[in-house]
PDB file of N, CA and C in Angstrom:
ATOM      1  N   UNK A   1       9.126  12.599  -1.640  1.00  0.00           N
ATOM      2  CA  UNK A   1       8.453  11.219  -1.179  1.00  0.00           C
ATOM      3  C   UNK A   1      10.004  10.501  -2.251  1.00  0.00           C
ATOM      4  N   UNK A   2      10.506   9.876  -1.684  1.00  0.00           N
ATOM      5  CA  UNK A   2      11.948   9.068  -2.482  1.00  0.00           C
ATOM      6  C   UNK A   2      11.836   8.197  -2.257  1.00  0.00           C
ATOM      7  N   UNK A   3      11.955   6.611  -3.106  1.00  0.00           N
ATOM      8  CA  UNK A   3      11.626   5.712  -2.920  1.00  0.00           C
ATOM      9  C   UNK A   3      13.245   4.682  -2.764  1.00  0.00           C
ATOM     10  N   UNK A   4      13.271   4.180  -1.937  1.00  0.00           N
ATOM     11  CA  UNK A   4      14.721   3.394  -1.895  1.00  0.00           C
ATOM     12  C   UNK A   4      14.449   1.656  -1.738  1.00  0.00           C
ATOM     13  N   UNK A   5      14.490   1.581  -3.604  1.00  0.00           N
ATOM     14  CA  UNK A   5      14.445   0.687  -3.775  1.00  0.00           C
ATOM     15  C   UNK A   5      15.511  -0.051  -4.489  1.00  0.00           C
ATOM     16  N   UNK A   6      15.546  -1.462  -3.813  1.00  0.00           N
ATOM     17  CA  UNK A   6      16.965  -2.393  -4.042  1.00  0.00           C
ATOM     18  C   UNK A   6      16.834  -3.233  -4.933  1.00  0.00           C
ATOM     19  N   UNK A   7      18.244  -4.197  -4.905  1.00  0.00           N
ATOM     20  CA  UNK A   7      17.762  -5.129  -5.896  1.00  0.00           C
ATOM     21  C   UNK A   7      18.303  -6.166  -5.404  1.00  0.00           C
ATOM     22  N   UNK A   8      17.320  -7.304  -5.377  1.00  0.00           N
ATOM     23  CA  UNK A   8      17.703  -8.362  -4.126  1.00  0.00           C
ATOM     24  C   UNK A   8      16.832  -8.870  -2.877  1.00  0.00           C
ATOM     25  N   UNK A   9      17.706  -9.933  -2.589  1.00  0.00           N
ATOM     26  CA  UNK A   9      16.888 -10.066  -1.301  1.00  0.00           C
ATOM     27  C   UNK A   9      17.268  -8.530  -0.124  1.00  0.00           C
ATOM     28  N   UNK A  10      16.451  -8.196   0.645  1.00  0.00           N
ATOM     29  CA  UNK A  10      16.246  -6.973   1.549  1.00  0.00           C
ATOM     30  C   UNK A  10      17.182  -7.434   2.814  1.00  0.00           C
ATOM     31  N   UNK A  11      18.015  -6.755   3.237  1.00  0.00           N
ATOM     32  CA  UNK A  11      19.025  -6.835   4.271  1.00  0.00           C
ATOM     33  C   UNK A  11      18.119  -6.665   5.818  1.00  0.00           C
ATOM     34  N   UNK A  12      18.146  -7.003   6.607  1.00  0.00           N
ATOM     35  CA  UNK A  12      17.239  -6.832   7.660  1.00  0.00           C
ATOM     36  C   UNK A  12      18.331  -5.229   8.425  1.00  0.00           C
ATOM     37  N   UNK A  13      19.665  -5.305   8.144  1.00  0.00           N
ATOM     38  CA  UNK A  13      19.603  -4.288   9.199  1.00  0.00           C
ATOM     39  C   UNK A  13      19.407  -2.819   8.190  1.00  0.00           C
ATOM     40  N   UNK A  14      19.978  -3.186   6.763  1.00  0.00           N
ATOM     41  CA  UNK A  14      19.590  -2.073   5.522  1.00  0.00           C
ATOM     42  C   UNK A  14      18.005  -1.525   5.867  1.00  0.00           C
ATOM     43  N   UNK A  15      16.864  -2.213   5.834  1.00  0.00           N
ATOM     44  CA  UNK A  15      15.887  -2.057   6.007  1.00  0.00           C
ATOM     45  C   UNK A  15      15.858  -1.386   7.144  1.00  0.00           C
ATOM     46  N   UNK A  16      16.208  -2.278   8.422  1.00  0.00           N
ATOM     47  CA  UNK A  16      16.144  -0.789   9.482  1.00  0.00           C
ATOM     48  C   UNK A  16      16.546   0.385   9.421  1.00  0.00           C
ATOM     49  N   UNK A  17      18.017   0.394   8.974  1.00  0.00           N
ATOM     50  CA  UNK A  17      18.591   1.904   8.953  1.00  0.00           C
ATOM     51  C   UNK A  17      17.578   2.406   7.997  1.00  0.00           C
ATOM     52  N   UNK A  18      16.584   1.955   7.227  1.00  0.00           N
ATOM     53  CA  UNK A  18      16.224   3.393   6.130  1.00  0.00           C
ATOM     54  C   UNK A  18      14.774   3.721   7.059  1.00  0.00           C
ATOM     55  N   UNK A  19      14.370   2.627   7.855  1.00  0.00           N
ATOM     56  CA  UNK A  19      13.117   2.779   8.398  1.00  0.00           C
ATOM     57  C   UNK A  19      13.617   3.962   9.766  1.00  0.00           C
ATOM     58  N   UNK A  20      14.513   4.057   9.744  1.00  0.00           N
ATOM     59  CA  UNK A  20      15.266   4.855  10.618  1.00  0.00           C
ATOM     60  C   UNK A  20      14.874   6.251  10.575  1.00  0.00           C
ATOM     61  N   UNK A  21      15.565   6.561   9.377  1.00  0.00           N
ATOM     62  CA  UNK A  21      15.908   7.619   8.231  1.00  0.00           C
ATOM     63  C   UNK A  21      14.144   7.952   7.909  1.00  0.00           C
ATOM     64  N   UNK A  22      13.385   7.116   7.879  1.00  0.00           N
ATOM     65  CA  UNK A  22      11.772   7.376   7.914  1.00  0.00           C
ATOM     66  C   UNK A  22      11.291   6.913   6.777  1.00  0.00           C
ATOM     67  N   UNK A  23      11.938   6.252   6.294  1.00  0.00           N
ATOM     68  CA  UNK A  23      11.812   5.544   5.013  1.00  0.00           C
ATOM     69  C   UNK A  23      10.183   4.280   5.345  1.00  0.00           C
ATOM     70  N   UNK A  24       9.155   4.032   4.238  1.00  0.00           N
ATOM     71  CA  UNK A  24       8.172   3.055   4.648  1.00  0.00           C
ATOM     72  C   UNK A  24       8.887   1.683   3.654  1.00  0.00           C
ATOM     73  N   UNK A  25       8.295   0.689   4.560  1.00  0.00           N
ATOM     74  CA  UNK A  25       8.475  -0.493   4.141  1.00  0.00           C
ATOM     75  C   UNK A  25       7.679  -1.337   3.607  1.00  0.00           C
ATOM     76  N   UNK A  26       7.616  -2.046   2.228  1.00  0.00           N
ATOM     77  CA  UNK A  26       6.369  -2.695   1.472  1.00  0.00           C
ATOM     78  C   UNK A  26       7.323  -3.577   0.796  1.00  0.00           C
ATOM     79  N   UNK A  27       6.592  -5.069   1.782  1.00  0.00           N
ATOM     80  CA  UNK A  27       6.426  -6.048   1.458  1.00  0.00           C
ATOM     81  C   UNK A  27       5.618  -6.809   0.182  1.00  0.00           C
ATOM     82  N   UNK A  28       5.840  -6.842  -1.435  1.00  0.00           N
ATOM     83  CA  UNK A  28       5.232  -7.260  -1.496  1.00  0.00           C
ATOM     84  C   UNK A  28       4.544  -8.867  -2.164  1.00  0.00           C
ATOM     85  N   UNK A  29       3.250  -9.217  -2.392  1.00  0.00           N
ATOM     86  CA  UNK A  29       2.775 -10.376  -2.000  1.00  0.00           C
ATOM     87  C   UNK A  29       3.410 -10.789  -0.651  1.00  0.00           C
ATOM     88  N   UNK A  30       2.937 -10.963   0.644  1.00  0.00           N
ATOM     89  CA  UNK A  30       3.628 -11.272   1.972  1.00  0.00           C
ATOM     90  C   UNK A  30       3.407 -12.620   1.940  1.00  0.00           C
ATOM     91  N   UNK A  31       2.209 -13.114   1.003  1.00  0.00           N
ATOM     92  CA  UNK A  31       1.626 -14.507   1.400  1.00  0.00           C
ATOM     93  C   UNK A  31       2.644 -15.492   0.850  1.00  0.00           C
ATOM     94  N   UNK A  32       3.636 -14.766   0.032  1.00  0.00           N
ATOM     95  CA  UNK A  32       4.528 -15.826  -0.221  1.00  0.00           C
ATOM     96  C   UNK A  32       5.633 -16.467   1.379  1.00  0.00           C
ATOM     97  N   UNK A  33       5.606 -15.835   2.109  1.00  0.00           N
ATOM     98  CA  UNK A  33       6.361 -16.047   3.201  1.00  0.00           C
ATOM     99  C   UNK A  33       5.650 -15.726   4.906  1.00  0.00           C
ATOM    100  N   UNK A  34       4.660 -15.932   4.617  1.00  0.00           N
ATOM    101  CA  UNK A  34       3.460 -16.153   5.685  1.00  0.00           C
ATOM    102  C   UNK A  34       2.395 -16.892   5.476  1.00  0.00           C
ATOM    103  N   UNK A  35       2.499 -17.943   6.554  1.00  0.00           N
ATOM    104  CA  UNK A  35       1.360 -18.851   5.702  1.00  0.00           C
ATOM    105  C   UNK A  35       0.069 -18.293   6.326  1.00  0.00           C
ATOM    106  N   UNK A  36      -0.203 -17.425   7.515  1.00  0.00           N
ATOM    107  CA  UNK A  36      -1.694 -16.758   7.998  1.00  0.00           C
ATOM    108  C   UNK A  36      -2.113 -15.982   6.793  1.00  0.00           C
ATOM    109  N   UNK A  37      -1.292 -14.929   6.130  1.00  0.00           N
ATOM    110  CA  UNK A  37      -1.628 -14.295   5.013  1.00  0.00           C
ATOM    111  C   UNK A  37      -2.896 -14.805   4.055  1.00  0.00           C
ATOM    112  N   UNK A  38      -1.351 -16.522   3.309  1.00  0.00           N
ATOM    113  CA  UNK A  38      -1.775 -17.343   2.436  1.00  0.00           C
ATOM    114  C   UNK A  38      -3.345 -17.893   2.914  1.00  0.00           C
ATOM    115  N   UNK A  39      -3.485 -18.507   3.658  1.00  0.00           N
ATOM    116  CA  UNK A  39      -4.832 -19.174   4.550  1.00  0.00           C
ATOM    117  C   UNK A  39      -5.831 -17.810   4.110  1.00  0.00           C
ATOM    118  N   UNK A  40      -5.358 -16.494   4.754  1.00  0.00           N
ATOM    119  CA  UNK A  40      -6.333 -15.343   4.374  1.00  0.00           C
ATOM    120  C   UNK A  40      -6.901 -14.838   2.808  1.00  0.00           C
ATOM    121  N   UNK A  41      -5.997 -14.969   2.421  1.00  0.00           N
ATOM    122  CA  UNK A  41      -6.607 -14.864   1.457  1.00  0.00           C
ATOM    123  C   UNK A  41      -7.107 -15.869   0.071  1.00  0.00           C
ATOM    124  N   UNK A  42      -6.581 -17.824   0.559  1.00  0.00           N
ATOM    125  CA  UNK A  42      -7.418 -18.471   0.203  1.00  0.00           C
ATOM    126  C   UNK A  42      -8.149 -18.447   0.802  1.00  0.00           C
ATOM    127  N   UNK A  43      -9.080 -17.844   1.892  1.00  0.00           N
ATOM    128  CA  UNK A  43     -10.543 -18.322   2.320  1.00  0.00           C
ATOM    129  C   UNK A  43     -11.590 -16.888   1.586  1.00  0.00           C
ATOM    130  N   UNK A  44     -10.722 -15.879   1.567  1.00  0.00           N
ATOM    131  CA  UNK A  44     -11.127 -14.605   0.301  1.00  0.00           C
ATOM    132  C   UNK A  44     -11.800 -15.246  -0.842  1.00  0.00           C
ATOM    133  N   UNK A  45     -10.892 -15.580  -2.099  1.00  0.00           N
ATOM    134  CA  UNK A  45     -10.983 -16.503  -3.244  1.00  0.00           C
ATOM    135  C   UNK A  45     -12.058 -16.870  -3.013  1.00  0.00           C
ATOM    136  N   UNK A  46     -11.617 -17.677  -2.098  1.00  0.00           N
ATOM    137  CA  UNK A  46     -13.119 -19.100  -1.562  1.00  0.00           C
ATOM    138  C   UNK A  46     -14.505 -18.502  -1.386  1.00  0.00           C
ATOM    139  N   UNK A  47     -15.079 -17.404  -0.710  1.00  0.00           N
ATOM    140  CA  UNK A  47     -15.607 -16.623  -0.892  1.00  0.00           C
ATOM    141  C   UNK A  47     -16.291 -15.908  -1.453  1.00  0.00           C
ATOM    142  N   UNK A  48     -15.437 -15.168  -2.175  1.00  0.00           N
ATOM    143  CA  UNK A  48     -16.230 -13.886  -3.345  1.00  0.00           C
ATOM    144  C   UNK A  48     -16.172 -14.856  -4.673  1.00  0.00           C
ATOM    145  N   UNK A  49     -15.267 -15.638  -4.841  1.00  0.00           N
ATOM    146  CA  UNK A  49     -15.198 -16.133  -6.361  1.00  0.00           C
ATOM    147  C   UNK A  49     -14.017 -15.732  -7.308  1.00  0.00           C
ATOM    148  N   UNK A  50     -12.573 -15.171  -6.695  1.00  0.00           N
ATOM    149  CA  UNK A  50     -12.208 -14.224  -7.156  1.00  0.00           C
ATOM    150  C   UNK A  50     -10.500 -14.270  -7.019  1.00  0.00           C
ATOM    151  N   UNK A  51      -9.618 -13.826  -7.924  1.00  0.00           N
ATOM    152  CA  UNK A  51      -8.065 -13.466  -7.054  1.00  0.00           C
ATOM    153  C   UNK A  51      -8.695 -12.649  -5.930  1.00  0.00           C
ATOM    154  N   UNK A  52      -7.302 -12.789  -5.023  1.00  0.00           N
ATOM    155  CA  UNK A  52      -7.112 -11.390  -4.213  1.00  0.00           C
ATOM    156  C   UNK A  52      -5.572 -11.822  -4.224  1.00  0.00           C
ATOM    157  N   UNK A  53      -4.592 -10.417  -4.019  1.00  0.00           N
ATOM    158  CA  UNK A  53      -3.554 -10.475  -3.849  1.00  0.00           C
ATOM    159  C   UNK A  53      -3.403  -9.652  -2.640  1.00  0.00           C
ATOM    160  N   UNK A  54      -2.351  -9.744  -1.858  1.00  0.00           N
ATOM    161  CA  UNK A  54      -1.518  -9.042  -0.697  1.00  0.00           C
ATOM    162  C   UNK A  54      -0.771  -7.911  -0.901  1.00  0.00           C
ATOM    163  N   UNK A  55      -0.353  -6.999  -0.044  1.00  0.00           N
ATOM    164  CA  UNK A  55       1.244  -6.277  -0.089  1.00  0.00           C
ATOM    165  C   UNK A  55       1.078  -5.444   1.915  1.00  0.00           C
ATOM    166  N   UNK A  56       2.102  -5.824   1.894  1.00  0.00           N
ATOM    167  CA  UNK A  56       2.057  -4.979   3.645  1.00  0.00           C
ATOM    168  C   UNK A  56       2.830  -3.779   3.689  1.00  0.00           C
ATOM    169  N   UNK A  57       2.630  -2.763   4.182  1.00  0.00           N
ATOM    170  CA  UNK A  57       3.396  -1.563   4.237  1.00  0.00           C
ATOM    171  C   UNK A  57       3.535  -1.330   6.305  1.00  0.00           C
ATOM    172  N   UNK A  58       4.592  -0.924   6.258  1.00  0.00           N
ATOM    173  CA  UNK A  58       5.025  -0.780   7.706  1.00  0.00           C
ATOM    174  C   UNK A  58       5.818   1.204   7.160  1.00  0.00           C
ATOM    175  N   UNK A  59       4.875   1.622   8.070  1.00  0.00           N
ATOM    176  CA  UNK A  59       5.811   3.514   8.433  1.00  0.00           C
ATOM    177  C   UNK A  59       5.686   3.874   9.386  1.00  0.00           C
ATOM    178  N   UNK A  60       7.096   4.419   9.617  1.00  0.00           N
ATOM    179  CA  UNK A  60       7.306   5.024  11.032  1.00  0.00           C
ATOM    180  C   UNK A  60       6.180   5.925  11.691  1.00  0.00           C
ATOM    181  N   UNK A  61       5.880   6.374  12.298  1.00  0.00           N
ATOM    182  CA  UNK A  61       4.976   7.434  13.477  1.00  0.00           C
ATOM    183  C   UNK A  61       5.345   8.261  12.781  1.00  0.00           C
ATOM    184  N   UNK A  62       4.566   9.029  12.339  1.00  0.00           N
ATOM    185  CA  UNK A  62       4.260  10.587  11.931  1.00  0.00           C
ATOM    186  C   UNK A  62       4.749  10.134  10.053  1.00  0.00           C
ATOM    187  N   UNK A  63       5.501   9.463   9.580  1.00  0.00           N
ATOM    188  CA  UNK A  63       5.728   9.306   8.057  1.00  0.00           C
ATOM    189  C   UNK A  63       4.097   8.766   7.334  1.00  0.00           C
ATOM    190  N   UNK A  64       4.772   9.098   6.057  1.00  0.00           N
ATOM    191  CA  UNK A  64       3.192   8.805   5.106  1.00  0.00           C
ATOM    192  C   UNK A  64       4.114   7.860   4.348  1.00  0.00           C
ATOM    193  N   UNK A  65       3.330   7.176   3.825  1.00  0.00           N
ATOM    194  CA  UNK A  65       3.263   5.974   2.689  1.00  0.00           C
ATOM    195  C   UNK A  65       3.922   6.612   1.351  1.00  0.00           C
ATOM    196  N   UNK A  66       2.621   7.021   0.854  1.00  0.00           N
ATOM    197  CA  UNK A  66       2.582   7.005  -0.528  1.00  0.00           C
ATOM    198  C   UNK A  66       2.016   8.232  -0.841  1.00  0.00           C
ATOM    199  N   UNK A  67       1.876   8.789  -1.526  1.00  0.00           N
ATOM    200  CA  UNK A  67       1.429  10.246  -1.754  1.00  0.00           C
ATOM    201  C   UNK A  67       0.484   9.737  -3.196  1.00  0.00           C
ATOM    202  N   UNK A  68      -0.895  10.962  -2.897  1.00  0.00           N
ATOM    203  CA  UNK A  68      -1.617  11.031  -3.649  1.00  0.00           C
ATOM    204  C   UNK A  68      -2.128  10.165  -4.917  1.00  0.00           C
ATOM    205  N   UNK A  69      -2.311   9.104  -5.308  1.00  0.00           N
ATOM    206  CA  UNK A  69      -2.273   7.944  -6.197  1.00  0.00           C
ATOM    207  C   UNK A  69      -3.552   7.342  -6.133  1.00  0.00           C
ATOM    208  N   UNK A  70      -4.470   6.953  -7.421  1.00  0.00           N
ATOM    209  CA  UNK A  70      -4.799   5.996  -7.645  1.00  0.00           C
ATOM    210  C   UNK A  70      -4.281   4.450  -8.195  1.00  0.00           C
ATOM    211  N   UNK A  71      -5.434   3.021  -7.735  1.00  0.00           N
ATOM    212  CA  UNK A  71      -4.930   1.723  -8.604  1.00  0.00           C
ATOM    213  C   UNK A  71      -6.014   1.217  -9.182  1.00  0.00           C
ATOM    214  N   UNK A  72      -5.435   0.817 -10.101  1.00  0.00           N
ATOM    215  CA  UNK A  72      -6.414   0.221 -11.194  1.00  0.00           C
ATOM    216  C   UNK A  72      -7.567  -0.707 -11.171  1.00  0.00           C
ATOM    217  N   UNK A  73      -7.748  -1.352  -9.710  1.00  0.00           N
ATOM    218  CA  UNK A  73      -7.912  -2.509  -9.448  1.00  0.00           C
ATOM    219  C   UNK A  73      -9.138  -2.446  -7.927  1.00  0.00           C
ATOM    220  N   UNK A  74      -9.170  -2.633  -7.183  1.00  0.00           N
ATOM    221  CA  UNK A  74     -10.292  -2.821  -5.904  1.00  0.00           C
ATOM    222  C   UNK A  74      -9.043  -2.837  -5.124  1.00  0.00           C
ATOM    223  N   UNK A  75      -9.513  -2.117  -3.920  1.00  0.00           N
ATOM    224  CA  UNK A  75      -8.607  -2.001  -3.077  1.00  0.00           C
ATOM    225  C   UNK A  75      -9.090  -2.442  -1.448  1.00  0.00           C
ATOM    226  N   UNK A  76      -8.763  -3.466  -1.170  1.00  0.00           N
ATOM    227  CA  UNK A  76      -9.326  -3.466   0.647  1.00  0.00           C
ATOM    228  C   UNK A  76      -8.257  -3.344   1.529  1.00  0.00           C
ATOM    229  N   UNK A  77      -8.627  -2.207   2.729  1.00  0.00           N
ATOM    230  CA  UNK A  77      -7.650  -1.952   2.982  1.00  0.00           C
ATOM    231  C   UNK A  77      -7.696  -2.363   4.847  1.00  0.00           C
ATOM    232  N   UNK A  78      -6.446  -2.689   5.111  1.00  0.00           N
ATOM    233  CA  UNK A  78      -6.993  -3.620   6.741  1.00  0.00           C
ATOM    234  C   UNK A  78      -5.744  -3.125   7.328  1.00  0.00           C
ATOM    235  N   UNK A  79      -6.184  -1.718   8.278  1.00  0.00           N
ATOM    236  CA  UNK A  79      -4.487  -1.311   9.210  1.00  0.00           C
ATOM    237  C   UNK A  79      -4.637  -2.060  10.368  1.00  0.00           C
ATOM    238  N   UNK A  80      -4.122  -2.305  10.851  1.00  0.00           N
ATOM    239  CA  UNK A  80      -3.395  -3.591  12.453  1.00  0.00           C
ATOM    240  C   UNK A  80      -3.243  -3.550  12.708  1.00  0.00           C
ATOM    241  N   UNK A  81      -2.430  -1.985  12.500  1.00  0.00           N
ATOM    242  CA  UNK A  81      -1.607  -1.150  14.136  1.00  0.00           C
ATOM    243  C   UNK A  81      -1.247   0.169  14.335  1.00  0.00           C
ATOM    244  N   UNK A  82      -1.447   0.949  15.125  1.00  0.00           N
ATOM    245  CA  UNK A  82      -1.069   2.894  15.223  1.00  0.00           C
ATOM    246  C   UNK A  82      -1.909   3.152  14.778  1.00  0.00           C
ATOM    247  N   UNK A  83      -2.019   4.677  14.296  1.00  0.00           N
ATOM    248  CA  UNK A  83      -3.110   5.154  13.565  1.00  0.00           C
ATOM    249  C   UNK A  83      -2.587   6.269  12.332  1.00  0.00           C
ATOM    250  N   UNK A  84      -3.785   6.575  11.340  1.00  0.00           N
ATOM    251  CA  UNK A  84      -3.191   6.816  10.143  1.00  0.00           C
ATOM    252  C   UNK A  84      -4.936   7.701   9.998  1.00  0.00           C
ATOM    253  N   UNK A  85      -4.093   8.873   9.342  1.00  0.00           N
ATOM    254  CA  UNK A  85      -5.131   9.558   8.905  1.00  0.00           C
ATOM    255  C   UNK A  85      -5.482   9.370   7.194  1.00  0.00           C
ATOM    256  N   UNK A  86      -6.790   8.721   7.014  1.00  0.00           N
ATOM    257  CA  UNK A  86      -6.727   8.226   5.609  1.00  0.00           C
ATOM    258  C   UNK A  86      -7.738   9.736   4.805  1.00  0.00           C
ATOM    259  N   UNK A  87      -7.448   9.740   3.295  1.00  0.00           N
ATOM    260  CA  UNK A  87      -8.178  10.866   3.044  1.00  0.00           C
ATOM    261  C   UNK A  87      -8.571  10.004   2.011  1.00  0.00           C
ATOM    262  N   UNK A  88      -9.819  10.439   1.223  1.00  0.00           N
ATOM    263  CA  UNK A  88     -10.242  10.082   0.243  1.00  0.00           C
ATOM    264  C   UNK A  88     -10.769  10.812  -0.840  1.00  0.00           C
ATOM    265  N   UNK A  89     -10.673  11.089  -1.726  1.00  0.00           N
ATOM    266  CA  UNK A  89     -11.324  11.714  -2.620  1.00  0.00           C
ATOM    267  C   UNK A  89     -11.774  11.243  -4.392  1.00  0.00           C
ATOM    268  N   UNK A  90     -12.298  11.624  -4.679  1.00  0.00           N
ATOM    269  CA  UNK A  90     -13.232  11.602  -6.301  1.00  0.00           C
ATOM    270  C   UNK A  90     -12.067  11.055  -7.254  1.00  0.00           C
ATOM    271  N   UNK A  91     -11.911  10.472  -7.931  1.00  0.00           N
ATOM    272  CA  UNK A  91     -10.674  10.331  -8.868  1.00  0.00           C
ATOM    273  C   UNK A  91     -11.077  10.851 -10.036  1.00  0.00           C
ATOM    274  N   UNK A  92      -9.673  12.053  -9.985  1.00  0.00           N
ATOM    275  CA  UNK A  92      -9.968  12.670 -11.262  1.00  0.00           C
ATOM    276  C   UNK A  92     -10.021  12.646 -12.558  1.00  0.00           C
ATOM    277  N   UNK A  93      -9.437  11.382 -13.042  1.00  0.00           N
ATOM    278  CA  UNK A  93      -9.615  10.910 -13.957  1.00  0.00           C
ATOM    279  C   UNK A  93     -11.200  10.379 -14.458  1.00  0.00           C
ATOM    280  N   UNK A  94     -11.932   9.992 -13.271  1.00  0.00           N
ATOM    281  CA  UNK A  94     -13.365   9.535 -13.780  1.00  0.00           C
ATOM    282  C   UNK A  94     -13.121   8.239 -13.135  1.00  0.00           C
ATOM    283  N   UNK A  95     -14.466   7.504 -12.522  1.00  0.00           N
ATOM    284  CA  UNK A  95     -14.798   6.293 -11.554  1.00  0.00           C
ATOM    285  C   UNK A  95     -14.181   5.221 -11.491  1.00  0.00           C
ATOM    286  N   UNK A  96     -13.421   4.859 -13.255  1.00  0.00           N
ATOM    287  CA  UNK A  96     -13.218   3.343 -13.223  1.00  0.00           C
ATOM    288  C   UNK A  96     -11.955   3.287 -13.916  1.00  0.00           C
ATOM    289  N   UNK A  97     -10.566   4.182 -13.172  1.00  0.00           N
ATOM    290  CA  UNK A  97      -9.619   4.181 -13.945  1.00  0.00           C
ATOM    291  C   UNK A  97      -9.026   2.844 -14.411  1.00  0.00           C
ATOM    292  N   UNK A  98      -7.826   2.938 -15.619  1.00  0.00           N
ATOM    293  CA  UNK A  98      -7.383   1.242 -15.846  1.00  0.00           C
ATOM    294  C   UNK A  98      -6.528   1.749 -16.267  1.00  0.00           C
ATOM    295  N   UNK A  99      -5.733   2.575 -15.746  1.00  0.00           N
ATOM    296  CA  UNK A  99      -3.843   2.733 -15.053  1.00  0.00           C
ATOM    297  C   UNK A  99      -3.763   3.252 -13.592  1.00  0.00           C
ATOM    298  N   UNK A 100      -2.773   3.179 -13.184  1.00  0.00           N
ATOM    299  CA  UNK A 100      -2.016   3.212 -12.172  1.00  0.00           C
ATOM    300  C   UNK A 100      -1.438   4.796 -12.390  1.00  0.00           C
ATOM    301  N   UNK A 101      -1.964   5.707 -10.888  1.00  0.00           N
ATOM    302  CA  UNK A 101      -1.541   7.275 -11.320  1.00  0.00           C
ATOM    303  C   UNK A 101      -0.315   7.951 -10.289  1.00  0.00           C
ATOM    304  N   UNK A 102       0.454   7.521 -10.288  1.00  0.00           N
ATOM    305  CA  UNK A 102       1.298   8.867  -8.814  1.00  0.00           C
ATOM    306  C   UNK A 102       1.237  10.343  -9.262  1.00  0.00           C
ATOM    307  N   UNK A 103       0.458  10.505 -10.513  1.00  0.00           N
ATOM    308  CA  UNK A 103       0.563  12.036 -10.603  1.00  0.00           C
ATOM    309  C   UNK A 103       0.219  13.031 -10.375  1.00  0.00           C
ATOM    310  N   UNK A 104      -0.580  12.786  -9.133  1.00  0.00           N
ATOM    311  CA  UNK A 104      -1.722  13.721  -8.860  1.00  0.00           C
ATOM    312  C   UNK A 104      -0.948  15.150  -7.769  1.00  0.00           C
ATOM    313  N   UNK A 105      -1.419  16.511  -7.898  1.00  0.00           N
ATOM    314  CA  UNK A 105      -1.234  17.468  -6.935  1.00  0.00           C
ATOM    315  C   UNK A 105      -2.311  17.365  -6.154  1.00  0.00           C
ATOM    316  N   UNK A 106      -1.564  17.065  -4.855  1.00  0.00           N
ATOM    317  CA  UNK A 106      -2.952  16.947  -3.619  1.00  0.00           C
ATOM    318  C   UNK A 106      -3.993  17.783  -3.420  1.00  0.00           C
ATOM    319  N   UNK A 107      -2.984  19.755  -3.788  1.00  0.00           N
ATOM    320  CA  UNK A 107      -3.876  20.290  -3.875  1.00  0.00           C
ATOM    321  C   UNK A 107      -5.250  20.817  -4.553  1.00  0.00           C
ATOM    322  N   UNK A 108      -5.133  19.812  -6.095  1.00  0.00           N
ATOM    323  CA  UNK A 108      -6.007  20.243  -7.539  1.00  0.00           C
ATOM    324  C   UNK A 108      -6.551  18.902  -7.000  1.00  0.00           C
ATOM    325  N   UNK A 109      -6.840  17.672  -6.082  1.00  0.00           N
ATOM    326  CA  UNK A 109      -8.125  17.190  -5.470  1.00  0.00           C
ATOM    327  C   UNK A 109      -8.997  17.746  -4.938  1.00  0.00           C
ATOM    328  N   UNK A 110      -9.378  19.030  -4.375  1.00  0.00           N
ATOM    329  CA  UNK A 110     -10.595  18.936  -3.887  1.00  0.00           C
ATOM    330  C   UNK A 110     -10.769  18.592  -1.917  1.00  0.00           C
ATOM    331  N   UNK A 111     -11.921  18.840  -1.585  1.00  0.00           N
ATOM    332  CA  UNK A 111     -11.783  18.133  -0.287  1.00  0.00           C
ATOM    333  C   UNK A 111     -12.483  16.897  -0.726  1.00  0.00           C
ATOM    334  N   UNK A 112     -11.676  15.860   0.302  1.00  0.00           N
ATOM    335  CA  UNK A 112     -11.672  14.460   0.348  1.00  0.00           C
ATOM    336  C   UNK A 112     -13.088  14.199   0.769  1.00  0.00           C
ATOM    337  N   UNK A 113     -13.708  13.642   0.501  1.00  0.00           N
ATOM    338  CA  UNK A 113     -15.411  13.015   0.742  1.00  0.00           C
ATOM    339  C   UNK A 113     -15.667  12.892   1.858  1.00  0.00           C
TER     340      UNK A 113
END
């Protein structure tokens, strides 16, 4: 996996070129740019009584966004389009990790749940 992080605002032609090369695209806090996402998060916060955040990802067909990892927060995934094989494993560091981890060797994770 190669991260192609730049600085400043992303240029459409550069992003499209990286996607053609197989890179995934992540938009952090898309609610800043999309009223529908902002409204959805507002409704979720009102219903559940806690803060919600959003990230959006686009991965080219046949690609993969991230290697095996865990987040230190609860995650609700909503896939809107395409097909992906999701594999969930028990967290090797315990049931409630307190920090993010990218360091897993997938062959050491065991069988998916």
